Amino acid sequence: MTYDSMISPEMKPFSEVRPRRVSVIFNPTAGRRHGWRFQATVERLEGHVTLFRTTKPNDATEMALGMVGDGVDVVVAAGGDGTINEVVNGLAGSSVAMGIIPLGTANVMAHTLGIGTKPAKVSAAINQGKRKRLHLGRITSPDQPGGRLFVLMAGAGFDAQVVADVSSALKRHTGALAYVVETLGGAFKYAFPPLSISIDGKPHQAVTAVVCNGPLYGGPFTAAPRASLEQAGFEVRLLQRSGIKNVLRYGAALVMGRLDTLPDAPSVLGSSIVFEGPEGFPLQADGDILAHLPATITLADETVDVLG
């Protein structure tokens, strides 16, 4: 089934139990493997629902900004965590609530909010209108001089290189397995240069560093148990050893919820993080490469309300 067939008269009328204007911004690339789930969720949404398809990067941000100006009540991000990031950058600081329809690979936001991916539960979270106010992080770098907001995490080192190198085609066909393949292959060729990091003015060293705004990473896995989207502040996970053996060890510890037991994977609380180098290395945020080093990460003044 194509997305074109989903935007059809047969999908209406929608329930008007709580009349409100709901705009759904959907990423057809992220949702290609889950078209049935998208349709089943949208059919359950209440109010006057309009669908908007993204066609290029940052489309969702521009759309969301316009929807704020138009007085829309709810903007729904339908896609992966990257689509959610774009919508957040358009809604942050406004009174417009955000809903999510998770259609991505890791769906970290959906796992964090506890809404899962089943259409009935996802649509109920949007329809019930229970708001949670989320604190955000801001990335500033030479290629993001005006700053870019993120919701979940921002990372540099091997973590970001995997995001940069993972095959889009493989991701479309295999989902999360694509990241496993790239992690295993990339660990043999990546040089693991040391990162120079400052956390609240104190220097630290690592080969991978992930600034966590929420507790989860890579799906339902806990990387930062002291972090919460509903409280301002970061937990920075530092992975200090290199090579395929340690990549496997860190990965296993993440899946088993045992990162805190590893002495070479400490975490540090902070609110201002500076990645000094290596210059030009990628920085991933919410699962996409959004900047390059050097970069500074701070607490954003803006917040966003999410329905969940």
C-alpha atoms as a PDB file:
ATOM      1  CA  MET A   1       0.000   0.000   0.000  1.00  0.00           C
ATOM      2  CA  THR A   2       1.338   3.439  -0.876  1.00  0.00           C
ATOM      3  CA  TYR A   3       1.038   6.611   1.131  1.00  0.00           C
ATOM      4  CA  ASP A   4      -0.966   8.124  -1.704  1.00  0.00           C
ATOM      5  CA  SER A   5      -3.706   5.584  -1.062  1.00  0.00           C
ATOM      6  CA  MET A   6      -3.722   6.520   2.609  1.00  0.00           C
ATOM      7  CA  ILE A   7      -4.606  10.134   1.899  1.00  0.00           C
ATOM      8  CA  SER A   8      -8.039   9.358   0.586  1.00  0.00           C
ATOM      9  CA  PRO A   9     -11.685  10.171   1.292  1.00  0.00           C
ATOM     10  CA  GLU A  10     -12.225   6.635   2.588  1.00  0.00           C
ATOM     11  CA  MET A  11     -10.226   7.544   5.704  1.00  0.00           C
ATOM     12  CA  LYS A  12     -12.830  10.091   6.833  1.00  0.00           C
ATOM     13  CA  PRO A  13     -14.846  11.072   8.739  1.00  0.00           C
ATOM     14  CA  PHE A  14     -12.645  11.058  11.836  1.00  0.00           C
ATOM     15  CA  SER A  15     -14.073  11.005  15.336  1.00  0.00           C
ATOM     16  CA  GLU A  16     -15.014  14.445  16.621  1.00  0.00           C
ATOM     17  CA  VAL A  17     -15.186  13.468  20.300  1.00  0.00           C
ATOM     18  CA  ARG A  18     -12.630  16.185  21.037  1.00  0.00           C
ATOM     19  CA  PRO A  19     -12.748  18.578  18.092  1.00  0.00           C
ATOM     20  CA  ARG A  20      -9.275  19.909  17.475  1.00  0.00           C
ATOM     21  CA  ARG A  21      -6.936  20.497  14.587  1.00  0.00           C
ATOM     22  CA  VAL A  22      -4.388  17.735  14.246  1.00  0.00           C
ATOM     23  CA  SER A  23      -1.622  17.945  11.644  1.00  0.00           C
ATOM     24  CA  VAL A  24       0.338  14.766  10.930  1.00  0.00           C
ATOM     25  CA  ILE A  25       3.798  15.241   9.425  1.00  0.00           C
ATOM     26  CA  PHE A  26       5.010  11.918   8.056  1.00  0.00           C
ATOM     27  CA  ASN A  27       8.297  10.777   6.598  1.00  0.00           C
ATOM     28  CA  PRO A  28       7.505   8.331   3.764  1.00  0.00           C
ATOM     29  CA  THR A  29      11.052   6.945   3.832  1.00  0.00           C
ATOM     30  CA  ALA A  30      10.930   6.058   7.522  1.00  0.00           C
ATOM     31  CA  GLY A  31       7.406   4.695   7.228  1.00  0.00           C
ATOM     32  CA  ARG A  32       7.819   2.607   4.087  1.00  0.00           C
ATOM     33  CA  ARG A  33       8.175  -0.647   6.034  1.00  0.00           C
ATOM     34  CA  HIS A  34       5.295   0.194   8.374  1.00  0.00           C
ATOM     35  CA  GLY A  35       2.597   1.638   6.116  1.00  0.00           C
ATOM     36  CA  TRP A  36      -0.160  -0.518   7.593  1.00  0.00           C
ATOM     37  CA  ARG A  37       0.743   0.641  11.096  1.00  0.00           C
ATOM     38  CA  PHE A  38       0.672   4.267  10.038  1.00  0.00           C
ATOM     39  CA  GLN A  39      -2.750   3.907   8.425  1.00  0.00           C
ATOM     40  CA  ALA A  40      -4.206   2.001  11.378  1.00  0.00           C
ATOM     41  CA  THR A  41      -2.992   4.690  13.781  1.00  0.00           C
ATOM     42  CA  VAL A  42      -4.200   7.666  11.731  1.00  0.00           C
ATOM     43  CA  GLU A  43      -7.640   6.104  11.323  1.00  0.00           C
ATOM     44  CA  ARG A  44      -7.996   6.133  15.119  1.00  0.00           C
ATOM     45  CA  LEU A  45      -7.063   9.798  15.622  1.00  0.00           C
ATOM     46  CA  GLU A  46      -9.756  12.153  16.855  1.00  0.00           C
ATOM     47  CA  GLY A  47     -10.396  15.662  15.532  1.00  0.00           C
ATOM     48  CA  HIS A  48      -9.899  17.314  12.171  1.00  0.00           C
ATOM     49  CA  VAL A  49      -6.826  15.488  10.862  1.00  0.00           C
ATOM     50  CA  THR A  50      -4.666  16.642   7.955  1.00  0.00           C
ATOM     51  CA  LEU A  51      -1.657  14.764   6.563  1.00  0.00           C
ATOM     52  CA  PHE A  52       1.565  16.376   5.333  1.00  0.00           C
ATOM     53  CA  ARG A  53       4.340  14.424   3.586  1.00  0.00           C
ATOM     54  CA  THR A  54       8.002  15.459   3.898  1.00  0.00           C
ATOM     55  CA  THR A  55      10.088  15.480   0.739  1.00  0.00           C
ATOM     56  CA  LYS A  56      13.511  16.703   1.890  1.00  0.00           C
ATOM     57  CA  PRO A  57      15.644  17.186   5.012  1.00  0.00           C
ATOM     58  CA  ASN A  58      14.332  19.780   7.488  1.00  0.00           C
ATOM     59  CA  ASP A  59      10.927  19.815   5.762  1.00  0.00           C
ATOM     60  CA  ALA A  60       9.294  18.777   9.024  1.00  0.00           C
ATOM     61  CA  THR A  61      10.822  21.737  10.879  1.00  0.00           C
ATOM     62  CA  GLU A  62       9.487  24.245   8.365  1.00  0.00           C
ATOM     63  CA  MET A  63       6.079  22.566   8.353  1.00  0.00           C
ATOM     64  CA  ALA A  64       5.873  22.566  12.151  1.00  0.00           C
ATOM     65  CA  LEU A  65       6.835  26.247  12.323  1.00  0.00           C
ATOM     66  CA  GLY A  66       4.041  27.062   9.898  1.00  0.00           C
ATOM     67  CA  MET A  67       1.553  24.992  11.867  1.00  0.00           C
ATOM     68  CA  VAL A  68       2.365  26.912  15.052  1.00  0.00           C
ATOM     69  CA  GLY A  69       1.545  30.118  13.213  1.00  0.00           C
ATOM     70  CA  ASP A  70      -1.675  28.611  11.853  1.00  0.00           C
ATOM     71  CA  GLY A  71      -2.966  27.767  15.325  1.00  0.00           C
ATOM     72  CA  VAL A  72      -2.922  23.986  15.002  1.00  0.00           C
ATOM     73  CA  ASP A  73      -3.655  22.213  18.305  1.00  0.00           C
ATOM     74  CA  VAL A  74      -1.502  19.108  17.856  1.00  0.00           C
ATOM     75  CA  VAL A  75       1.355  18.307  15.480  1.00  0.00           C
ATOM     76  CA  VAL A  76       2.090  14.600  15.127  1.00  0.00           C
ATOM     77  CA  ALA A  77       5.540  13.433  14.027  1.00  0.00           C
ATOM     78  CA  ALA A  78       5.181  10.162  12.109  1.00  0.00           C
ATOM     79  CA  GLY A  79       8.570   8.640  11.408  1.00  0.00           C
ATOM     80  CA  GLY A  80      11.762   7.818  13.232  1.00  0.00           C
ATOM     81  CA  ASP A  81      13.599   9.720  15.937  1.00  0.00           C
ATOM     82  CA  GLY A  82      15.118  11.944  13.245  1.00  0.00           C
ATOM     83  CA  THR A  83      11.672  13.070  12.108  1.00  0.00           C
ATOM     84  CA  ILE A  84      10.746  13.753  15.731  1.00  0.00           C
ATOM     85  CA  ASN A  85      13.896  15.873  16.052  1.00  0.00           C
ATOM     86  CA  GLU A  86      12.877  17.990  13.071  1.00  0.00           C
ATOM     87  CA  VAL A  87       9.361  18.542  14.417  1.00  0.00           C
ATOM     88  CA  VAL A  88      10.737  19.464  17.842  1.00  0.00           C
ATOM     89  CA  ASN A  89      12.930  22.112  16.224  1.00  0.00           C
ATOM     90  CA  GLY A  90       9.766  23.659  14.801  1.00  0.00           C
ATOM     91  CA  LEU A  91       7.564  23.381  17.898  1.00  0.00           C
ATOM     92  CA  ALA A  92      10.014  24.156  20.719  1.00  0.00           C
ATOM     93  CA  GLY A  93       8.991  27.128  22.803  1.00  0.00           C
ATOM     94  CA  SER A  94       5.396  27.086  21.544  1.00  0.00           C
ATOM     95  CA  SER A  95       2.207  25.912  23.250  1.00  0.00           C
ATOM     96  CA  VAL A  96       1.445  23.396  20.484  1.00  0.00           C
ATOM     97  CA  ALA A  97       1.611  19.797  21.690  1.00  0.00           C
ATOM     98  CA  MET A  98       3.480  17.085  19.801  1.00  0.00           C
ATOM     99  CA  GLY A  99       2.242  13.544  19.286  1.00  0.00           C
ATOM    100  CA  ILE A 100       4.335  10.751  17.809  1.00  0.00           C
ATOM    101  CA  ILE A 101       3.647   7.790  15.553  1.00  0.00           C
ATOM    102  CA  PRO A 102       6.865   5.737  15.740  1.00  0.00           C
ATOM    103  CA  LEU A 103       7.835   4.336  12.343  1.00  0.00           C
ATOM    104  CA  GLY A 104      11.613   4.336  12.614  1.00  0.00           C
ATOM    105  CA  THR A 105      14.379   1.853  13.294  1.00  0.00           C
ATOM    106  CA  ALA A 106      15.134   2.354  16.992  1.00  0.00           C
ATOM    107  CA  ASN A 107      12.092   4.399  18.112  1.00  0.00           C
ATOM    108  CA  VAL A 108      13.917   5.550  21.245  1.00  0.00           C
ATOM    109  CA  MET A 109      11.350   8.264  21.966  1.00  0.00           C
ATOM    110  CA  ALA A 110       8.450   5.806  21.866  1.00  0.00           C
ATOM    111  CA  HIS A 111      10.274   3.437  24.204  1.00  0.00           C
ATOM    112  CA  THR A 112      11.124   6.294  26.568  1.00  0.00           C
ATOM    113  CA  LEU A 113       7.511   7.463  26.724  1.00  0.00           C
ATOM    114  CA  GLY A 114       6.294   3.889  27.104  1.00  0.00           C
ATOM    115  CA  ILE A 115       3.787   4.084  24.252  1.00  0.00           C
ATOM    116  CA  GLY A 116       5.243   1.290  22.118  1.00  0.00           C
ATOM    117  CA  THR A 117       4.311   0.970  18.450  1.00  0.00           C
ATOM    118  CA  LYS A 118       0.856  -0.666  18.427  1.00  0.00           C
ATOM    119  CA  PRO A 119      -1.710   1.587  16.686  1.00  0.00           C
ATOM    120  CA  ALA A 120      -4.299   1.389  19.471  1.00  0.00           C
ATOM    121  CA  LYS A 121      -1.840   2.474  22.171  1.00  0.00           C
ATOM    122  CA  VAL A 122      -0.121   5.116  20.028  1.00  0.00           C
ATOM    123  CA  SER A 123      -3.405   6.718  18.955  1.00  0.00           C
ATOM    124  CA  ALA A 124      -4.719   6.631  22.536  1.00  0.00           C
ATOM    125  CA  ALA A 125      -1.667   8.566  23.716  1.00  0.00           C
ATOM    126  CA  ILE A 126      -2.402  11.284  21.149  1.00  0.00           C
ATOM    127  CA  ASN A 127      -6.170  11.343  21.712  1.00  0.00           C
ATOM    128  CA  GLN A 128      -6.018  11.471  25.503  1.00  0.00           C
ATOM    129  CA  GLY A 129      -4.037  14.669  25.350  1.00  0.00           C
ATOM    130  CA  LYS A 130      -1.904  14.091  28.468  1.00  0.00           C
ATOM    131  CA  ARG A 131       1.056  16.446  28.180  1.00  0.00           C
ATOM    132  CA  LYS A 132       4.601  15.833  29.359  1.00  0.00           C
ATOM    133  CA  ARG A 133       6.999  18.770  29.239  1.00  0.00           C
ATOM    134  CA  LEU A 134      10.374  17.716  27.863  1.00  0.00           C
ATOM    135  CA  HIS A 135      13.645  19.557  28.367  1.00  0.00           C
ATOM    136  CA  LEU A 136      15.943  19.798  25.357  1.00  0.00           C
ATOM    137  CA  GLY A 137      19.619  20.099  24.509  1.00  0.00           C
ATOM    138  CA  ARG A 138      21.213  22.549  22.091  1.00  0.00           C
ATOM    139  CA  ILE A 139      24.183  21.850  19.803  1.00  0.00           C
ATOM    140  CA  THR A 140      26.323  24.758  18.623  1.00  0.00           C
ATOM    141  CA  SER A 141      29.152  24.199  16.139  1.00  0.00           C
ATOM    142  CA  PRO A 142      30.741  25.831  13.082  1.00  0.00           C
ATOM    143  CA  ASP A 143      28.153  24.090  10.859  1.00  0.00           C
ATOM    144  CA  GLN A 144      25.305  24.807  13.322  1.00  0.00           C
ATOM    145  CA  PRO A 145      26.119  28.406  14.363  1.00  0.00           C
ATOM    146  CA  GLY A 146      22.505  29.169  15.239  1.00  0.00           C
ATOM    147  CA  GLY A 147      22.189  26.002  17.289  1.00  0.00           C
ATOM    148  CA  ARG A 148      20.259  22.791  16.726  1.00  0.00           C
ATOM    149  CA  LEU A 149      17.963  21.271  19.337  1.00  0.00           C
ATOM    150  CA  PHE A 150      17.940  17.579  20.216  1.00  0.00           C
ATOM    151  CA  VAL A 151      15.675  15.494  22.423  1.00  0.00           C
ATOM    152  CA  LEU A 152      17.256  12.140  23.218  1.00  0.00           C
ATOM    153  CA  MET A 153      21.021  12.091  22.865  1.00  0.00           C
ATOM    154  CA  ALA A 154      24.045  13.463  21.035  1.00  0.00           C
ATOM    155  CA  GLY A 155      27.192  11.439  20.516  1.00  0.00           C
ATOM    156  CA  ALA A 156      30.659  11.594  18.995  1.00  0.00           C
ATOM    157  CA  GLY A 157      33.303   8.988  18.295  1.00  0.00           C
ATOM    158  CA  PHE A 158      32.567   5.457  17.106  1.00  0.00           C
ATOM    159  CA  ASP A 159      28.858   5.910  17.864  1.00  0.00           C
ATOM    160  CA  ALA A 160      28.574   8.809  15.431  1.00  0.00           C
ATOM    161  CA  GLN A 161      30.756   7.125  12.800  1.00  0.00           C
ATOM    162  CA  VAL A 162      28.376   4.152  12.702  1.00  0.00           C
ATOM    163  CA  VAL A 163      25.448   6.523  12.157  1.00  0.00           C
ATOM    164  CA  ALA A 164      27.386   8.292   9.398  1.00  0.00           C
ATOM    165  CA  ASP A 165      28.376   5.088   7.591  1.00  0.00           C
ATOM    166  CA  VAL A 166      25.306   2.847   7.952  1.00  0.00           C
ATOM    167  CA  SER A 167      23.742   1.924   4.619  1.00  0.00           C
ATOM    168  CA  SER A 168      20.385   3.600   4.041  1.00  0.00           C
ATOM    169  CA  ALA A 169      19.329   0.774   1.730  1.00  0.00           C
ATOM    170  CA  LEU A 170      20.242  -1.864   4.302  1.00  0.00           C
ATOM    171  CA  LYS A 171      18.415   0.103   6.993  1.00  0.00           C
ATOM    172  CA  ARG A 172      15.265   0.184   4.847  1.00  0.00           C
ATOM    173  CA  HIS A 173      15.368  -3.577   4.330  1.00  0.00           C
ATOM    174  CA  THR A 174      16.623  -4.869   7.680  1.00  0.00           C
ATOM    175  CA  GLY A 175      15.843  -2.137  10.212  1.00  0.00           C
ATOM    176  CA  ALA A 176      17.979  -2.200  13.364  1.00  0.00           C
ATOM    177  CA  LEU A 177      20.091  -5.073  12.001  1.00  0.00           C
ATOM    178  CA  ALA A 178      21.776  -2.554   9.688  1.00  0.00           C
ATOM    179  CA  TYR A 179      23.354  -0.867  12.708  1.00  0.00           C
ATOM    180  CA  VAL A 180      24.611  -4.193  14.032  1.00  0.00           C
ATOM    181  CA  VAL A 181      26.227  -4.958  10.665  1.00  0.00           C
ATOM    182  CA  GLU A 182      27.865  -1.524  10.474  1.00  0.00           C
ATOM    183  CA  THR A 183      29.023  -1.686  14.092  1.00  0.00           C
ATOM    184  CA  LEU A 184      30.754  -5.021  13.564  1.00  0.00           C
ATOM    185  CA  GLY A 185      32.288  -4.050  10.236  1.00  0.00           C
ATOM    186  CA  GLY A 186      33.190  -0.536  11.301  1.00  0.00           C
ATOM    187  CA  ALA A 187      34.987  -1.658  14.441  1.00  0.00           C
ATOM    188  CA  PHE A 188      37.702  -3.282  12.305  1.00  0.00           C
ATOM    189  CA  LYS A 189      38.433  -0.155  10.254  1.00  0.00           C
ATOM    190  CA  TYR A 190      37.732   2.706  12.673  1.00  0.00           C
ATOM    191  CA  ALA A 191      40.898   4.201  14.204  1.00  0.00           C
ATOM    192  CA  PHE A 192      39.264   5.122  17.549  1.00  0.00           C
ATOM    193  CA  PRO A 193      41.018   8.489  17.957  1.00  0.00           C
ATOM    194  CA  PRO A 194      40.687   9.956  21.458  1.00  0.00           C
ATOM    195  CA  LEU A 195      38.039  12.618  21.991  1.00  0.00           C
ATOM    196  CA  SER A 196      38.864  15.747  23.971  1.00  0.00           C
ATOM    197  CA  ILE A 197      35.797  16.489  26.087  1.00  0.00           C
ATOM    198  CA  SER A 198      35.030  19.044  28.768  1.00  0.00           C
ATOM    199  CA  ILE A 199      32.053  18.484  31.090  1.00  0.00           C
ATOM    200  CA  ASP A 200      31.169  21.542  33.160  1.00  0.00           C
ATOM    201  CA  GLY A 201      34.756  22.705  32.758  1.00  0.00           C
ATOM    202  CA  LYS A 202      36.433  19.429  33.758  1.00  0.00           C
ATOM    203  CA  PRO A 203      38.476  17.531  31.113  1.00  0.00           C
ATOM    204  CA  HIS A 204      37.681  13.926  30.191  1.00  0.00           C
ATOM    205  CA  GLN A 205      38.968  11.413  27.646  1.00  0.00           C
ATOM    206  CA  ALA A 206      37.053   8.761  25.711  1.00  0.00           C
ATOM    207  CA  VAL A 207      36.859   7.151  22.276  1.00  0.00           C
ATOM    208  CA  THR A 208      33.067   7.447  22.302  1.00  0.00           C
ATOM    209  CA  ALA A 209      30.966   9.880  24.298  1.00  0.00           C
ATOM    210  CA  VAL A 210      27.171  10.054  24.328  1.00  0.00           C
ATOM    211  CA  VAL A 211      25.419  13.028  25.918  1.00  0.00           C
ATOM    212  CA  CYS A 212      22.136  11.540  27.132  1.00  0.00           C
ATOM    213  CA  ASN A 213      19.119  13.754  27.739  1.00  0.00           C
ATOM    214  CA  GLY A 214      16.991  10.671  28.451  1.00  0.00           C
ATOM    215  CA  PRO A 215      17.820   7.217  29.802  1.00  0.00           C
ATOM    216  CA  LEU A 216      17.532   5.064  26.665  1.00  0.00           C
ATOM    217  CA  TYR A 217      19.805   4.441  23.688  1.00  0.00           C
ATOM    218  CA  GLY A 218      19.457   2.329  20.555  1.00  0.00           C
ATOM    219  CA  GLY A 219      15.869   1.339  21.337  1.00  0.00           C
ATOM    220  CA  PRO A 220      14.787   0.058  24.772  1.00  0.00           C
ATOM    221  CA  PHE A 221      18.328  -0.144  26.223  1.00  0.00           C
ATOM    222  CA  THR A 222      19.359   1.903  29.259  1.00  0.00           C
ATOM    223  CA  ALA A 223      22.574   3.887  28.804  1.00  0.00           C
ATOM    224  CA  ALA A 224      21.913   6.704  31.268  1.00  0.00           C
ATOM    225  CA  PRO A 225      19.762   5.659  34.231  1.00  0.00           C
ATOM    226  CA  ARG A 226      20.121   9.066  35.915  1.00  0.00           C
ATOM    227  CA  ALA A 227      18.878  11.053  32.907  1.00  0.00           C
ATOM    228  CA  SER A 228      15.249  12.073  32.400  1.00  0.00           C
ATOM    229  CA  LEU A 229      13.603  13.959  29.555  1.00  0.00           C
ATOM    230  CA  GLU A 230      11.404  15.676  32.129  1.00  0.00           C
ATOM    231  CA  GLN A 231      14.326  17.075  34.140  1.00  0.00           C
ATOM    232  CA  ALA A 232      16.985  19.506  32.916  1.00  0.00           C
ATOM    233  CA  GLY A 233      20.474  18.012  32.785  1.00  0.00           C
ATOM    234  CA  PHE A 234      22.591  15.460  30.923  1.00  0.00           C
ATOM    235  CA  GLU A 235      24.253  12.189  31.800  1.00  0.00           C
ATOM    236  CA  VAL A 236      27.353  11.719  29.652  1.00  0.00           C
ATOM    237  CA  ARG A 237      28.387   8.119  29.008  1.00  0.00           C
ATOM    238  CA  LEU A 238      32.128   7.807  28.300  1.00  0.00           C
ATOM    239  CA  LEU A 239      33.489   4.685  26.584  1.00  0.00           C
ATOM    240  CA  GLN A 240      37.244   4.725  27.062  1.00  0.00           C
ATOM    241  CA  ARG A 241      38.667   1.644  25.334  1.00  0.00           C
ATOM    242  CA  SER A 242      38.971   0.871  21.627  1.00  0.00           C
ATOM    243  CA  GLY A 243      38.863  -2.145  19.327  1.00  0.00           C
ATOM    244  CA  ILE A 244      36.346  -4.781  18.305  1.00  0.00           C
ATOM    245  CA  LYS A 245      36.657  -6.695  21.581  1.00  0.00           C
ATOM    246  CA  ASN A 246      35.637  -3.663  23.616  1.00  0.00           C
ATOM    247  CA  VAL A 247      32.908  -2.671  21.148  1.00  0.00           C
ATOM    248  CA  LEU A 248      31.360  -6.118  21.685  1.00  0.00           C
ATOM    249  CA  ARG A 249      31.819  -5.852  25.443  1.00  0.00           C
ATOM    250  CA  TYR A 250      30.169  -2.423  25.604  1.00  0.00           C
ATOM    251  CA  GLY A 251      27.344  -3.574  23.340  1.00  0.00           C
ATOM    252  CA  ALA A 252      26.627  -6.632  25.470  1.00  0.00           C
ATOM    253  CA  ALA A 253      26.673  -4.539  28.646  1.00  0.00           C
ATOM    254  CA  LEU A 254      24.233  -2.059  27.103  1.00  0.00           C
ATOM    255  CA  VAL A 255      21.785  -4.780  26.095  1.00  0.00           C
ATOM    256  CA  MET A 256      21.996  -6.406  29.528  1.00  0.00           C
ATOM    257  CA  GLY A 257      21.685  -3.093  31.385  1.00  0.00           C
ATOM    258  CA  ARG A 258      25.154  -3.432  32.921  1.00  0.00           C
ATOM    259  CA  LEU A 259      27.087  -0.442  31.576  1.00  0.00           C
ATOM    260  CA  ASP A 260      27.345   0.983  35.086  1.00  0.00           C
ATOM    261  CA  THR A 261      29.343  -2.084  36.162  1.00  0.00           C
ATOM    262  CA  LEU A 262      32.183  -1.356  33.718  1.00  0.00           C
ATOM    263  CA  PRO A 263      34.988   0.810  35.160  1.00  0.00           C
ATOM    264  CA  ASP A 264      36.007   1.963  31.664  1.00  0.00           C
ATOM    265  CA  ALA A 265      32.471   3.166  30.830  1.00  0.00           C
ATOM    266  CA  PRO A 266      31.832   5.835  33.473  1.00  0.00           C
ATOM    267  CA  SER A 267      29.030   8.370  33.314  1.00  0.00           C
ATOM    268  CA  VAL A 268      29.217  11.997  34.415  1.00  0.00           C
ATOM    269  CA  LEU A 269      26.376  14.417  35.109  1.00  0.00           C
ATOM    270  CA  GLY A 270      26.637  17.867  33.557  1.00  0.00           C
ATOM    271  CA  SER A 271      24.924  20.728  31.801  1.00  0.00           C
ATOM    272  CA  SER A 272      27.642  22.078  29.498  1.00  0.00           C
ATOM    273  CA  ILE A 273      29.696  19.736  27.317  1.00  0.00           C
ATOM    274  CA  VAL A 274      32.424  20.788  24.896  1.00  0.00           C
ATOM    275  CA  PHE A 275      33.767  18.408  22.230  1.00  0.00           C
ATOM    276  CA  GLU A 276      37.070  19.987  21.204  1.00  0.00           C
ATOM    277  CA  GLY A 277      38.075  17.428  18.608  1.00  0.00           C
ATOM    278  CA  PRO A 278      39.153  15.730  16.473  1.00  0.00           C
ATOM    279  CA  GLU A 279      38.107  18.598  14.220  1.00  0.00           C
ATOM    280  CA  GLY A 280      35.611  17.670  11.511  1.00  0.00           C
ATOM    281  CA  PHE A 281      34.492  14.395  13.096  1.00  0.00           C
ATOM    282  CA  PRO A 282      30.731  13.782  12.947  1.00  0.00           C
ATOM    283  CA  LEU A 283      28.315  14.403  15.806  1.00  0.00           C
ATOM    284  CA  GLN A 284      25.075  12.426  15.781  1.00  0.00           C
ATOM    285  CA  ALA A 285      21.964  13.618  17.544  1.00  0.00           C
ATOM    286  CA  ASP A 286      18.705  11.675  17.761  1.00  0.00           C
ATOM    287  CA  GLY A 287      20.104   9.172  15.267  1.00  0.00           C
ATOM    288  CA  ASP A 288      21.221  11.528  12.482  1.00  0.00           C
ATOM    289  CA  ILE A 289      24.459  13.378  11.769  1.00  0.00           C
ATOM    290  CA  LEU A 290      23.549  16.965  12.636  1.00  0.00           C
ATOM    291  CA  ALA A 291      26.933  18.626  13.221  1.00  0.00           C
ATOM    292  CA  HIS A 292      30.702  18.152  13.229  1.00  0.00           C
ATOM    293  CA  LEU A 293      33.358  18.798  15.845  1.00  0.00           C
ATOM    294  CA  PRO A 294      34.236  21.052  17.553  1.00  0.00           C
ATOM    295  CA  ALA A 295      30.828  21.412  19.162  1.00  0.00           C
ATOM    296  CA  THR A 296      29.268  22.649  22.379  1.00  0.00           C
ATOM    297  CA  ILE A 297      26.186  21.104  23.965  1.00  0.00           C
ATOM    298  CA  THR A 298      24.144  23.071  26.473  1.00  0.00           C
ATOM    299  CA  LEU A 299      20.698  22.996  28.046  1.00  0.00           C
ATOM    300  CA  ALA A 300      18.159  24.695  25.802  1.00  0.00           C
ATOM    301  CA  ASP A 301      15.915  27.448  27.103  1.00  0.00           C
ATOM    302  CA  GLU A 302      13.029  26.017  25.072  1.00  0.00           C
ATOM    303  CA  THR A 303      10.901  23.032  26.045  1.00  0.00           C
ATOM    304  CA  VAL A 304       8.355  20.995  24.110  1.00  0.00           C
ATOM    305  CA  ASP A 305       5.131  19.338  25.278  1.00  0.00           C
ATOM    306  CA  VAL A 306       4.620  15.769  24.095  1.00  0.00           C
ATOM    307  CA  LEU A 307       1.471  13.654  24.342  1.00  0.00           C
ATOM    308  CA  GLY A 308       2.129  10.308  25.905  1.00  0.00           C
END
